[in-house]
Amino acid sequence: MHTIDPNAQIKLVAVDMDGTFLDGNGQIPDEAWGVIDQLQARGIKFVPASGRQFVTLREQFAALGEIAIIAENGTVVMDGEEEIYSNVIDPAAVKTVIEAVREHQDLDAGLVICGRRTAYVERNDEKFMQAVAPYYRAVKFVEDLSEVQGDIIKMAVNVGTGQVQDMADALEVPLQVVVSGTHWVDAMNHGVHKGLALGALQKELGITDDQTVVFGDYPNDLEMIKAATYSFAMANAHPEVAAAANFTAPANTEHGVLQVLRAYLEGRSQL
């Protein structure tokens, strides 16, 4: 396992959520708040960077007040209530995904289409809504997703166990398709990812790659991992992420992010 150079002038820490910052039960560890307080006291920005909805992340980190958030797999970046960046999908492309998901109900597929603040679903059975709930707090049921008005920045498909790659392969659409979890496949515009979002935030804040720490575990974190000098793959990370990262952190089940950040805050070169 690795640590951050105690002499590094870190200004920003970006963390993926599931499989990275959250513990084995999908919760924010209790001790995380004290570590984040220490980061903020040093002027270091703590930034959740997730496929989750902005409203969800803002609620999860409400105790921190107005913070920067990279949401919806990098399709929207907020600093407090100020939008730093967003990327809107062409309505015609949105409809192609809706139609493709409807054609693959053999995969137990359920679609979420994501506006900046509200997500929309046309399936509302208990199984699907339980899968949606941890990621999307502001959800509206509609009879027909193709009738939703307003900008859509990301679409997320929930599928059954072992079927994410089948769903990704089935989405022959003019968009970037990314496996973002064991049950989730995301679709967004080509060239849009957490790395682009992180870059937009770094530029806005005047922060360099050498001043940035990133933690991730899944392929949707790859570009973000490549955008920071201090890039950490979790010990339980996907092989592609492990290969791309410069360093390794203990698994999320061992609170690996907190271990690495504590060592830096305490000026230690070993965990």
C-alpha atoms as a PDB file:
ATOM      1  CA  MET A   1       0.000   0.000   0.000  1.00  0.00           C
ATOM      2  CA  HIS A   2       1.122   3.572  -0.669  1.00  0.00           C
ATOM      3  CA  THR A   3       0.884   7.013   0.911  1.00  0.00           C
ATOM      4  CA  ILE A   4       0.891  10.617  -0.283  1.00  0.00           C
ATOM      5  CA  ASP A   5       4.221  12.433  -0.062  1.00  0.00           C
ATOM      6  CA  PRO A   6       3.934  14.300   3.284  1.00  0.00           C
ATOM      7  CA  ASN A   7       5.545  17.332   1.592  1.00  0.00           C
ATOM      8  CA  ALA A   8       3.009  17.465  -1.243  1.00  0.00           C
ATOM      9  CA  GLN A   9       0.935  20.656  -1.345  1.00  0.00           C
ATOM     10  CA  ILE A  10      -2.431  18.988  -1.756  1.00  0.00           C
ATOM     11  CA  LYS A  11      -5.407  21.259  -2.478  1.00  0.00           C
ATOM     12  CA  LEU A  12      -8.118  18.844  -3.659  1.00  0.00           C
ATOM     13  CA  VAL A  13      -9.175  15.285  -2.796  1.00  0.00           C
ATOM     14  CA  ALA A  14     -11.726  13.667  -5.136  1.00  0.00           C
ATOM     15  CA  VAL A  15     -13.321  10.387  -4.067  1.00  0.00           C
ATOM     16  CA  ASP A  16     -15.552   7.935  -5.869  1.00  0.00           C
ATOM     17  CA  MET A  17     -18.287   6.648  -3.579  1.00  0.00           C
ATOM     18  CA  ASP A  18     -19.351   2.998  -4.043  1.00  0.00           C
ATOM     19  CA  GLY A  19     -16.480   0.571  -3.567  1.00  0.00           C
ATOM     20  CA  THR A  20     -14.134   3.435  -2.704  1.00  0.00           C
ATOM     21  CA  PHE A  21     -15.168   5.917  -0.010  1.00  0.00           C
ATOM     22  CA  LEU A  22     -18.210   4.056   1.295  1.00  0.00           C
ATOM     23  CA  ASP A  23     -17.639   1.093   3.577  1.00  0.00           C
ATOM     24  CA  GLY A  24     -18.625  -2.511   2.928  1.00  0.00           C
ATOM     25  CA  ASN A  25     -22.218  -1.705   3.931  1.00  0.00           C
ATOM     26  CA  GLY A  26     -22.450   1.196   1.491  1.00  0.00           C
ATOM     27  CA  GLN A  27     -22.250   3.805   4.262  1.00  0.00           C
ATOM     28  CA  ILE A  28     -20.007   6.788   4.943  1.00  0.00           C
ATOM     29  CA  PRO A  29     -17.713   5.650   7.791  1.00  0.00           C
ATOM     30  CA  ASP A  30     -18.346   7.534  11.025  1.00  0.00           C
ATOM     31  CA  GLU A  31     -14.704   8.549  11.306  1.00  0.00           C
ATOM     32  CA  ALA A  32     -14.771  10.136   7.853  1.00  0.00           C
ATOM     33  CA  TRP A  33     -16.239  13.381   9.151  1.00  0.00           C
ATOM     34  CA  GLY A  34     -13.264  14.086  11.400  1.00  0.00           C
ATOM     35  CA  VAL A  35     -10.819  13.447   8.559  1.00  0.00           C
ATOM     36  CA  ILE A  36     -12.779  15.724   6.217  1.00  0.00           C
ATOM     37  CA  ASP A  37     -12.834  18.427   8.912  1.00  0.00           C
ATOM     38  CA  GLN A  38      -9.033  18.261   9.067  1.00  0.00           C
ATOM     39  CA  LEU A  39      -8.755  18.510   5.286  1.00  0.00           C
ATOM     40  CA  GLN A  40     -11.012  21.553   5.193  1.00  0.00           C
ATOM     41  CA  ALA A  41      -9.129  23.168   8.076  1.00  0.00           C
ATOM     42  CA  ARG A  42      -6.008  22.983   5.889  1.00  0.00           C
ATOM     43  CA  GLY A  43      -7.819  24.515   2.933  1.00  0.00           C
ATOM     44  CA  ILE A  44      -8.029  21.188   1.067  1.00  0.00           C
ATOM     45  CA  LYS A  45     -11.260  20.700  -0.869  1.00  0.00           C
ATOM     46  CA  PHE A  46     -13.021  17.377  -0.368  1.00  0.00           C
ATOM     47  CA  VAL A  47     -14.982  16.489  -3.514  1.00  0.00           C
ATOM     48  CA  PRO A  48     -17.358  13.526  -3.926  1.00  0.00           C
ATOM     49  CA  ALA A  49     -17.105  12.296  -7.544  1.00  0.00           C
ATOM     50  CA  SER A  50     -19.822   9.798  -8.296  1.00  0.00           C
ATOM     51  CA  GLY A  51     -22.367   8.428 -10.706  1.00  0.00           C
ATOM     52  CA  ARG A  52     -24.903   9.450  -8.094  1.00  0.00           C
ATOM     53  CA  GLN A  53     -27.293  12.348  -8.521  1.00  0.00           C
ATOM     54  CA  PHE A  54     -26.219  15.830  -7.376  1.00  0.00           C
ATOM     55  CA  VAL A  55     -29.214  16.065  -5.024  1.00  0.00           C
ATOM     56  CA  THR A  56     -28.278  12.694  -3.492  1.00  0.00           C
ATOM     57  CA  LEU A  57     -24.652  13.686  -2.903  1.00  0.00           C
ATOM     58  CA  ARG A  58     -25.604  17.094  -1.532  1.00  0.00           C
ATOM     59  CA  GLU A  59     -27.917  15.369   0.956  1.00  0.00           C
ATOM     60  CA  GLN A  60     -25.290  12.787   1.943  1.00  0.00           C
ATOM     61  CA  PHE A  61     -22.738  15.537   2.647  1.00  0.00           C
ATOM     62  CA  ALA A  62     -25.138  18.174   3.965  1.00  0.00           C
ATOM     63  CA  ALA A  63     -23.129  18.380   7.198  1.00  0.00           C
ATOM     64  CA  LEU A  64     -20.258  19.927   5.217  1.00  0.00           C
ATOM     65  CA  GLY A  65     -22.298  22.850   3.908  1.00  0.00           C
ATOM     66  CA  GLU A  66     -21.582  24.217   0.427  1.00  0.00           C
ATOM     67  CA  ILE A  67     -18.981  21.942  -1.185  1.00  0.00           C
ATOM     68  CA  ALA A  68     -17.924  21.109  -4.737  1.00  0.00           C
ATOM     69  CA  ILE A  69     -19.537  17.970  -6.155  1.00  0.00           C
ATOM     70  CA  ILE A  70     -18.912  15.969  -9.323  1.00  0.00           C
ATOM     71  CA  ALA A  71     -22.183  14.135 -10.006  1.00  0.00           C
ATOM     72  CA  GLU A  72     -23.783  11.877 -12.607  1.00  0.00           C
ATOM     73  CA  ASN A  73     -20.426  10.379 -13.676  1.00  0.00           C
ATOM     74  CA  GLY A  74     -19.014  13.777 -14.525  1.00  0.00           C
ATOM     75  CA  THR A  75     -21.895  15.178 -16.552  1.00  0.00           C
ATOM     76  CA  VAL A  76     -22.481  17.951 -14.011  1.00  0.00           C
ATOM     77  CA  VAL A  77     -20.121  19.775 -11.633  1.00  0.00           C
ATOM     78  CA  MET A  78     -21.394  22.062  -8.902  1.00  0.00           C
ATOM     79  CA  ASP A  79     -19.560  24.258  -6.412  1.00  0.00           C
ATOM     80  CA  GLY A  80     -22.201  24.888  -3.815  1.00  0.00           C
ATOM     81  CA  GLU A  81     -25.200  26.065  -5.855  1.00  0.00           C
ATOM     82  CA  GLU A  82     -23.029  27.353  -8.724  1.00  0.00           C
ATOM     83  CA  GLU A  83     -22.879  25.160 -11.810  1.00  0.00           C
ATOM     84  CA  ILE A  84     -19.293  24.868 -13.024  1.00  0.00           C
ATOM     85  CA  TYR A  85     -19.986  22.490 -15.888  1.00  0.00           C
ATOM     86  CA  SER A  86     -22.662  20.297 -17.442  1.00  0.00           C
ATOM     87  CA  ASN A  87     -23.084  18.275 -20.641  1.00  0.00           C
ATOM     88  CA  VAL A  88     -26.505  17.818 -22.229  1.00  0.00           C
ATOM     89  CA  ILE A  89     -27.498  14.841 -24.416  1.00  0.00           C
ATOM     90  CA  ASP A  90     -29.296  15.391 -27.716  1.00  0.00           C
ATOM     91  CA  PRO A  91     -33.009  14.489 -27.308  1.00  0.00           C
ATOM     92  CA  ALA A  92     -32.847  12.132 -30.298  1.00  0.00           C
ATOM     93  CA  ALA A  93     -30.091  10.138 -28.590  1.00  0.00           C
ATOM     94  CA  VAL A  94     -32.138  10.003 -25.393  1.00  0.00           C
ATOM     95  CA  LYS A  95     -34.979   8.372 -27.314  1.00  0.00           C
ATOM     96  CA  THR A  96     -32.660   5.751 -28.839  1.00  0.00           C
ATOM     97  CA  VAL A  97     -31.633   4.628 -25.332  1.00  0.00           C
ATOM     98  CA  ILE A  98     -35.239   4.537 -24.120  1.00  0.00           C
ATOM     99  CA  GLU A  99     -36.167   2.328 -27.074  1.00  0.00           C
ATOM    100  CA  ALA A 100     -33.115   0.074 -26.666  1.00  0.00           C
ATOM    101  CA  VAL A 101     -33.850  -0.568 -22.983  1.00  0.00           C
ATOM    102  CA  ARG A 102     -37.486  -1.335 -23.720  1.00  0.00           C
ATOM    103  CA  GLU A 103     -36.325  -3.955 -26.225  1.00  0.00           C
ATOM    104  CA  HIS A 104     -34.166  -5.772 -23.643  1.00  0.00           C
ATOM    105  CA  GLN A 105     -36.500  -6.589 -20.806  1.00  0.00           C
ATOM    106  CA  ASP A 106     -34.937 -10.078 -20.829  1.00  0.00           C
ATOM    107  CA  LEU A 107     -32.114  -8.413 -18.877  1.00  0.00           C
ATOM    108  CA  ASP A 108     -34.549  -7.146 -16.206  1.00  0.00           C
ATOM    109  CA  ALA A 109     -33.601  -3.655 -17.336  1.00  0.00           C
ATOM    110  CA  GLY A 110     -34.914  -0.469 -15.781  1.00  0.00           C
ATOM    111  CA  LEU A 111     -33.971   2.992 -17.074  1.00  0.00           C
ATOM    112  CA  VAL A 112     -33.337   6.225 -15.194  1.00  0.00           C
ATOM    113  CA  ILE A 113     -32.977   9.405 -17.236  1.00  0.00           C
ATOM    114  CA  CYS A 114     -31.265  12.190 -15.359  1.00  0.00           C
ATOM    115  CA  GLY A 115     -31.881  15.912 -15.429  1.00  0.00           C
ATOM    116  CA  ARG A 116     -29.618  18.211 -13.439  1.00  0.00           C
ATOM    117  CA  ARG A 117     -31.807  18.027 -10.320  1.00  0.00           C
ATOM    118  CA  THR A 118     -34.468  15.371 -10.998  1.00  0.00           C
ATOM    119  CA  ALA A 119     -34.330  11.794 -12.287  1.00  0.00           C
ATOM    120  CA  TYR A 120     -37.226  10.212 -14.171  1.00  0.00           C
ATOM    121  CA  VAL A 121     -38.404   6.593 -14.350  1.00  0.00           C
ATOM    122  CA  GLU A 122     -41.288   4.801 -16.072  1.00  0.00           C
ATOM    123  CA  ARG A 123     -40.864   1.608 -14.085  1.00  0.00           C
ATOM    124  CA  ASN A 124     -41.818   1.793 -10.413  1.00  0.00           C
ATOM    125  CA  ASP A 125     -41.948  -1.779  -9.099  1.00  0.00           C
ATOM    126  CA  GLU A 126     -40.460  -2.299  -5.639  1.00  0.00           C
ATOM    127  CA  LYS A 127     -37.361  -4.189  -6.815  1.00  0.00           C
ATOM    128  CA  PHE A 128     -36.356  -1.474  -9.268  1.00  0.00           C
ATOM    129  CA  MET A 129     -37.114   1.429  -6.957  1.00  0.00           C
ATOM    130  CA  GLN A 130     -35.051  -0.165  -4.183  1.00  0.00           C
ATOM    131  CA  ALA A 131     -32.118  -0.316  -6.620  1.00  0.00           C
ATOM    132  CA  VAL A 132     -32.634   3.321  -7.613  1.00  0.00           C
ATOM    133  CA  ALA A 133     -33.100   4.768  -4.110  1.00  0.00           C
ATOM    134  CA  PRO A 134     -29.446   4.891  -2.930  1.00  0.00           C
ATOM    135  CA  TYR A 135     -28.366   6.845  -5.994  1.00  0.00           C
ATOM    136  CA  TYR A 136     -31.332   9.055  -6.857  1.00  0.00           C
ATOM    137  CA  ARG A 137     -33.188  10.833  -4.072  1.00  0.00           C
ATOM    138  CA  ALA A 138     -35.147  13.192  -6.357  1.00  0.00           C
ATOM    139  CA  VAL A 139     -37.075  10.760  -8.582  1.00  0.00           C
ATOM    140  CA  LYS A 140     -40.285  11.348 -10.538  1.00  0.00           C
ATOM    141  CA  PHE A 141     -42.412   8.572 -12.037  1.00  0.00           C
ATOM    142  CA  VAL A 142     -43.799   9.236 -15.523  1.00  0.00           C
ATOM    143  CA  GLU A 143     -45.914   7.100 -17.818  1.00  0.00           C
ATOM    144  CA  ASP A 144     -43.593   7.586 -20.801  1.00  0.00           C
ATOM    145  CA  LEU A 145     -39.942   8.617 -20.514  1.00  0.00           C
ATOM    146  CA  SER A 146     -39.922   9.843 -24.105  1.00  0.00           C
ATOM    147  CA  GLU A 147     -42.344  12.605 -23.070  1.00  0.00           C
ATOM    148  CA  VAL A 148     -40.012  14.101 -20.434  1.00  0.00           C
ATOM    149  CA  GLN A 149     -39.150  17.734 -21.149  1.00  0.00           C
ATOM    150  CA  GLY A 150     -35.900  19.490 -20.223  1.00  0.00           C
ATOM    151  CA  ASP A 151     -32.189  18.785 -20.461  1.00  0.00           C
ATOM    152  CA  ILE A 152     -30.977  15.219 -19.873  1.00  0.00           C
ATOM    153  CA  ILE A 153     -27.333  14.829 -18.884  1.00  0.00           C
ATOM    154  CA  LYS A 154     -27.052  11.081 -18.251  1.00  0.00           C
ATOM    155  CA  MET A 155     -29.014   7.854 -18.516  1.00  0.00           C
ATOM    156  CA  ALA A 156     -28.524   4.876 -16.227  1.00  0.00           C
ATOM    157  CA  VAL A 157     -29.760   1.329 -16.774  1.00  0.00           C
ATOM    158  CA  ASN A 158     -30.180  -1.070 -13.861  1.00  0.00           C
ATOM    159  CA  VAL A 159     -29.964  -4.764 -14.748  1.00  0.00           C
ATOM    160  CA  GLY A 160     -29.931  -8.148 -13.067  1.00  0.00           C
ATOM    161  CA  THR A 161     -26.896  -9.872 -11.593  1.00  0.00           C
ATOM    162  CA  GLY A 162     -24.218 -10.704 -14.148  1.00  0.00           C
ATOM    163  CA  GLN A 163     -25.922  -8.819 -16.962  1.00  0.00           C
ATOM    164  CA  VAL A 164     -24.165  -5.455 -17.070  1.00  0.00           C
ATOM    165  CA  GLN A 165     -21.891  -6.351 -19.963  1.00  0.00           C
ATOM    166  CA  ASP A 166     -24.825  -7.825 -21.903  1.00  0.00           C
ATOM    167  CA  MET A 167     -26.704  -4.544 -21.444  1.00  0.00           C
ATOM    168  CA  ALA A 168     -23.669  -2.464 -22.396  1.00  0.00           C
ATOM    169  CA  ASP A 169     -23.234  -4.525 -25.561  1.00  0.00           C
ATOM    170  CA  ALA A 170     -26.937  -4.213 -26.375  1.00  0.00           C
ATOM    171  CA  LEU A 171     -26.881  -0.403 -26.223  1.00  0.00           C
ATOM    172  CA  GLU A 172     -25.925   0.262 -29.837  1.00  0.00           C
ATOM    173  CA  VAL A 173     -26.529   3.993 -29.474  1.00  0.00           C
ATOM    174  CA  PRO A 174     -24.650   7.163 -30.553  1.00  0.00           C
ATOM    175  CA  LEU A 175     -23.381   7.685 -27.021  1.00  0.00           C
ATOM    176  CA  GLN A 176     -20.601   6.629 -24.679  1.00  0.00           C
ATOM    177  CA  VAL A 177     -21.667   3.542 -22.732  1.00  0.00           C
ATOM    178  CA  VAL A 178     -19.862   2.825 -19.447  1.00  0.00           C
ATOM    179  CA  VAL A 179     -20.229   0.016 -16.918  1.00  0.00           C
ATOM    180  CA  SER A 180     -20.438   1.939 -13.635  1.00  0.00           C
ATOM    181  CA  GLY A 181     -21.288  -0.812 -11.138  1.00  0.00           C
ATOM    182  CA  THR A 182     -22.252  -4.439 -10.754  1.00  0.00           C
ATOM    183  CA  HIS A 183     -25.848  -3.622 -11.731  1.00  0.00           C
ATOM    184  CA  TRP A 184     -25.501  -0.327 -13.606  1.00  0.00           C
ATOM    185  CA  VAL A 185     -24.664   0.774 -17.138  1.00  0.00           C
ATOM    186  CA  ASP A 186     -24.492   4.516 -17.894  1.00  0.00           C
ATOM    187  CA  ALA A 187     -24.893   6.334 -21.202  1.00  0.00           C
ATOM    188  CA  MET A 188     -23.724   9.902 -21.817  1.00  0.00           C
ATOM    189  CA  ASN A 189     -22.151  11.972 -24.548  1.00  0.00           C
ATOM    190  CA  HIS A 190     -18.845  10.811 -25.989  1.00  0.00           C
ATOM    191  CA  GLY A 191     -15.817  12.331 -24.297  1.00  0.00           C
ATOM    192  CA  VAL A 192     -17.690  13.035 -21.079  1.00  0.00           C
ATOM    193  CA  HIS A 193     -16.345  11.445 -17.912  1.00  0.00           C
ATOM    194  CA  LYS A 194     -15.224  12.188 -14.371  1.00  0.00           C
ATOM    195  CA  GLY A 195     -11.777  13.177 -15.622  1.00  0.00           C
ATOM    196  CA  LEU A 196     -13.202  15.957 -17.803  1.00  0.00           C
ATOM    197  CA  ALA A 197     -15.347  17.125 -14.908  1.00  0.00           C
ATOM    198  CA  LEU A 198     -12.390  17.102 -12.527  1.00  0.00           C
ATOM    199  CA  GLY A 199     -10.376  19.124 -15.039  1.00  0.00           C
ATOM    200  CA  ALA A 200     -13.144  21.734 -15.247  1.00  0.00           C
ATOM    201  CA  LEU A 201     -13.174  22.026 -11.452  1.00  0.00           C
ATOM    202  CA  GLN A 202      -9.365  22.196 -11.239  1.00  0.00           C
ATOM    203  CA  LYS A 203      -9.326  24.992 -13.820  1.00  0.00           C
ATOM    204  CA  GLU A 204     -12.048  26.912 -12.002  1.00  0.00           C
ATOM    205  CA  LEU A 205     -10.171  26.645  -8.684  1.00  0.00           C
ATOM    206  CA  GLY A 206      -6.626  27.072 -10.062  1.00  0.00           C
ATOM    207  CA  ILE A 207      -5.517  23.641  -8.805  1.00  0.00           C
ATOM    208  CA  THR A 208      -2.937  21.480 -10.588  1.00  0.00           C
ATOM    209  CA  ASP A 209      -2.650  17.712 -11.060  1.00  0.00           C
ATOM    210  CA  ASP A 210       0.250  17.695  -8.579  1.00  0.00           C
ATOM    211  CA  GLN A 211      -2.064  19.223  -5.961  1.00  0.00           C
ATOM    212  CA  THR A 212      -4.824  16.671  -6.558  1.00  0.00           C
ATOM    213  CA  VAL A 213      -5.514  13.279  -4.966  1.00  0.00           C
ATOM    214  CA  VAL A 214      -8.025  10.885  -6.540  1.00  0.00           C
ATOM    215  CA  PHE A 215      -9.435   7.566  -5.279  1.00  0.00           C
ATOM    216  CA  GLY A 216     -11.418   5.151  -7.455  1.00  0.00           C
ATOM    217  CA  ASP A 217     -12.223   1.518  -8.113  1.00  0.00           C
ATOM    218  CA  TYR A 218     -14.334   1.025 -11.266  1.00  0.00           C
ATOM    219  CA  PRO A 219     -13.904   1.712 -15.013  1.00  0.00           C
ATOM    220  CA  ASN A 220     -16.025   4.868 -14.799  1.00  0.00           C
ATOM    221  CA  ASP A 221     -13.203   6.276 -12.616  1.00  0.00           C
ATOM    222  CA  LEU A 222     -10.447   5.641 -15.187  1.00  0.00           C
ATOM    223  CA  GLU A 223     -10.181   9.107 -16.705  1.00  0.00           C
ATOM    224  CA  MET A 224     -10.327  10.742 -13.287  1.00  0.00           C
ATOM    225  CA  ILE A 225      -7.576   8.411 -12.092  1.00  0.00           C
ATOM    226  CA  LYS A 226      -5.431   9.607 -15.011  1.00  0.00           C
ATOM    227  CA  ALA A 227      -6.032  13.280 -14.161  1.00  0.00           C
ATOM    228  CA  ALA A 228      -4.144  13.387 -10.858  1.00  0.00           C
ATOM    229  CA  THR A 229      -0.542  12.832  -9.830  1.00  0.00           C
ATOM    230  CA  TYR A 230      -1.690  11.152  -6.620  1.00  0.00           C
ATOM    231  CA  SER A 231      -4.106   8.638  -8.149  1.00  0.00           C
ATOM    232  CA  PHE A 232      -5.086   5.713  -5.926  1.00  0.00           C
ATOM    233  CA  ALA A 233      -6.824   2.513  -6.980  1.00  0.00           C
ATOM    234  CA  MET A 234      -8.456   0.683  -4.127  1.00  0.00           C
ATOM    235  CA  ALA A 235      -7.007  -2.759  -3.339  1.00  0.00           C
ATOM    236  CA  ASN A 236     -10.339  -4.209  -4.492  1.00  0.00           C
ATOM    237  CA  ALA A 237     -10.365  -2.148  -7.724  1.00  0.00           C
ATOM    238  CA  HIS A 238     -11.166  -3.350 -11.224  1.00  0.00           C
ATOM    239  CA  PRO A 239      -7.934  -4.494 -12.976  1.00  0.00           C
ATOM    240  CA  GLU A 240      -8.098  -1.634 -15.509  1.00  0.00           C
ATOM    241  CA  VAL A 241      -8.218   0.926 -12.718  1.00  0.00           C
ATOM    242  CA  ALA A 242      -5.434  -0.798 -10.779  1.00  0.00           C
ATOM    243  CA  ALA A 243      -3.246  -0.679 -13.892  1.00  0.00           C
ATOM    244  CA  ALA A 244      -3.967   3.011 -14.571  1.00  0.00           C
ATOM    245  CA  ALA A 245      -3.430   4.346 -11.043  1.00  0.00           C
ATOM    246  CA  ASN A 246      -0.060   5.498  -9.753  1.00  0.00           C
ATOM    247  CA  PHE A 247      -0.692   4.137  -6.256  1.00  0.00           C
ATOM    248  CA  THR A 248      -2.760   1.601  -4.316  1.00  0.00           C
ATOM    249  CA  ALA A 249      -4.916   2.192  -1.232  1.00  0.00           C
ATOM    250  CA  PRO A 250      -6.324  -0.454   1.123  1.00  0.00           C
ATOM    251  CA  ALA A 251      -9.794  -1.760   0.238  1.00  0.00           C
ATOM    252  CA  ASN A 252     -12.905   0.266   0.986  1.00  0.00           C
ATOM    253  CA  THR A 253     -13.881  -2.420   3.516  1.00  0.00           C
ATOM    254  CA  GLU A 254     -10.747  -1.367   5.434  1.00  0.00           C
ATOM    255  CA  HIS A 255     -11.560   2.350   5.057  1.00  0.00           C
ATOM    256  CA  GLY A 256      -8.570   2.655   2.728  1.00  0.00           C
ATOM    257  CA  VAL A 257      -9.272   6.257   1.683  1.00  0.00           C
ATOM    258  CA  LEU A 258      -9.257   7.358   5.313  1.00  0.00           C
ATOM    259  CA  GLN A 259      -6.066   5.421   6.042  1.00  0.00           C
ATOM    260  CA  VAL A 260      -4.214   7.218   3.235  1.00  0.00           C
ATOM    261  CA  LEU A 261      -5.600  10.652   4.120  1.00  0.00           C
ATOM    262  CA  ARG A 262      -4.828  10.242   7.837  1.00  0.00           C
ATOM    263  CA  ALA A 263      -1.228   9.343   7.038  1.00  0.00           C
ATOM    264  CA  TYR A 264      -0.889  12.506   4.945  1.00  0.00           C
ATOM    265  CA  LEU A 265      -2.525  14.730   7.565  1.00  0.00           C
ATOM    266  CA  GLU A 266      -0.209  13.296  10.224  1.00  0.00           C
ATOM    267  CA  GLY A 267       2.875  13.681   8.025  1.00  0.00           C
ATOM    268  CA  ARG A 268       3.532   9.943   7.850  1.00  0.00           C
ATOM    269  CA  SER A 269       5.210   8.221   4.896  1.00  0.00           C
ATOM    270  CA  GLN A 270       3.767   4.833   5.895  1.00  0.00           C
ATOM    271  CA  LEU A 271       0.253   3.645   6.652  1.00  0.00           C
END
